[in-house]
């Protein structure tokens, strides 16, 4: 299990709210003291314009952290979802 410190999360979307234990810089940037596979946080997304059901929605999230030997790492997650 990897243990990360000095953790920051950035999501590229319109964020309505975040859930969990963290420090909030702004609605899209979160800071966590540490992260491991047992920790969780959630993000509620919003979109105010009309959606075209013939297209897909894309969400991108990045988690930046440092492991205990001082190496910086980035975990990117890209999601595509169909609009219902």
Protein backbone atom coordinates (compact mmCIF):
# COMPACT_ATOMS: atom_id res chain seq x y z
CA UNK A 1 0.00 0.00 0.00
CA UNK A 2 1.34 3.43 -0.96
CA UNK A 3 1.09 6.17 1.65
CA UNK A 4 1.14 9.76 0.40
CA UNK A 5 1.66 13.04 2.23
CA UNK A 6 1.16 16.69 1.21
CA UNK A 7 -1.74 15.65 -1.00
CA UNK A 8 -3.73 17.89 -3.35
CA UNK A 9 -6.71 17.04 -5.56
CA UNK A 10 -7.82 19.06 -8.59
CA UNK A 11 -10.95 18.31 -10.62
CA UNK A 12 -11.70 19.85 -14.02
CA UNK A 13 -15.46 20.24 -13.91
CA UNK A 14 -18.12 22.37 -12.25
CA UNK A 15 -18.06 21.26 -8.61
CA UNK A 16 -21.16 21.75 -6.43
CA UNK A 17 -19.81 20.30 -3.17
CA UNK A 18 -17.10 18.10 -1.64
CA UNK A 19 -17.45 15.51 1.11
CA UNK A 20 -14.76 14.22 3.47
CA UNK A 21 -12.00 15.49 5.77
CA UNK A 22 -9.75 17.98 3.99
CA UNK A 23 -8.81 21.65 3.64
CA UNK A 24 -10.53 23.52 0.80
CA UNK A 25 -8.51 26.10 -1.17
CA UNK A 26 -11.45 26.68 -3.49
CA UNK A 27 -14.28 24.49 -4.76
CA UNK A 28 -12.09 22.61 -7.29
CA UNK A 29 -8.88 22.29 -5.19
CA UNK A 30 -8.62 20.18 -2.03
CA UNK A 31 -5.64 19.68 0.29
CA UNK A 32 -5.25 16.53 2.40
CA UNK A 33 -2.58 15.87 5.04
CA UNK A 34 -2.15 12.30 3.84
CA UNK A 35 -3.75 9.69 1.59
CA UNK A 36 -3.78 5.91 1.37
CA UNK A 37 -6.05 3.21 -0.02
CA UNK A 38 -8.30 3.31 3.08
CA UNK A 39 -9.23 7.02 2.74
CA UNK A 40 -12.11 8.34 0.67
CA UNK A 41 -13.63 11.67 -0.33
CA UNK A 42 -16.43 12.57 -2.69
CA UNK A 43 -17.28 15.35 -5.10
CA UNK A 44 -20.71 16.38 -6.34
CA UNK A 45 -20.60 17.76 -9.89
CA UNK A 46 -23.04 20.20 -11.46
CA UNK A 47 -23.80 21.41 -14.96
CA UNK A 48 -26.21 24.30 -15.53
CA UNK A 49 -26.45 24.37 -19.32
CA UNK A 50 -28.61 22.11 -21.49
CA UNK A 51 -27.10 18.71 -22.19
CA UNK A 52 -27.06 17.13 -25.62
CA UNK A 53 -27.87 13.45 -25.10
CA UNK A 54 -26.06 12.53 -28.34
CA UNK A 55 -22.68 13.49 -26.86
CA UNK A 56 -20.61 12.12 -24.00
CA UNK A 57 -19.53 13.86 -20.78
CA UNK A 58 -15.84 13.86 -19.81
CA UNK A 59 -14.46 14.36 -16.29
CA UNK A 60 -10.80 14.71 -15.36
CA UNK A 61 -9.38 14.50 -11.83
CA UNK A 62 -5.75 14.65 -10.67
CA UNK A 63 -4.32 13.64 -7.30
CA UNK A 64 -0.82 14.93 -6.51
CA UNK A 65 1.08 13.51 -3.54
CA UNK A 66 4.54 12.79 -2.16
CA UNK A 67 5.56 9.36 -0.89
CA UNK A 68 7.68 9.01 2.25
CA UNK A 69 11.00 8.74 0.37
CA UNK A 70 10.38 12.23 -1.09
CA UNK A 71 9.25 11.21 -4.57
CA UNK A 72 6.34 13.24 -6.03
CA UNK A 73 3.61 11.32 -7.85
CA UNK A 74 0.52 12.20 -9.86
CA UNK A 75 -2.52 9.98 -10.29
CA UNK A 76 -4.78 11.06 -13.17
CA UNK A 77 -8.28 9.72 -13.64
CA UNK A 78 -10.24 10.31 -16.84
CA UNK A 79 -13.89 9.33 -17.02
CA UNK A 80 -16.31 9.32 -19.93
CA UNK A 81 -19.99 8.79 -19.29
CA UNK A 82 -23.10 8.65 -21.45
CA UNK A 83 -25.75 11.25 -20.77
CA UNK A 84 -29.12 9.84 -19.81
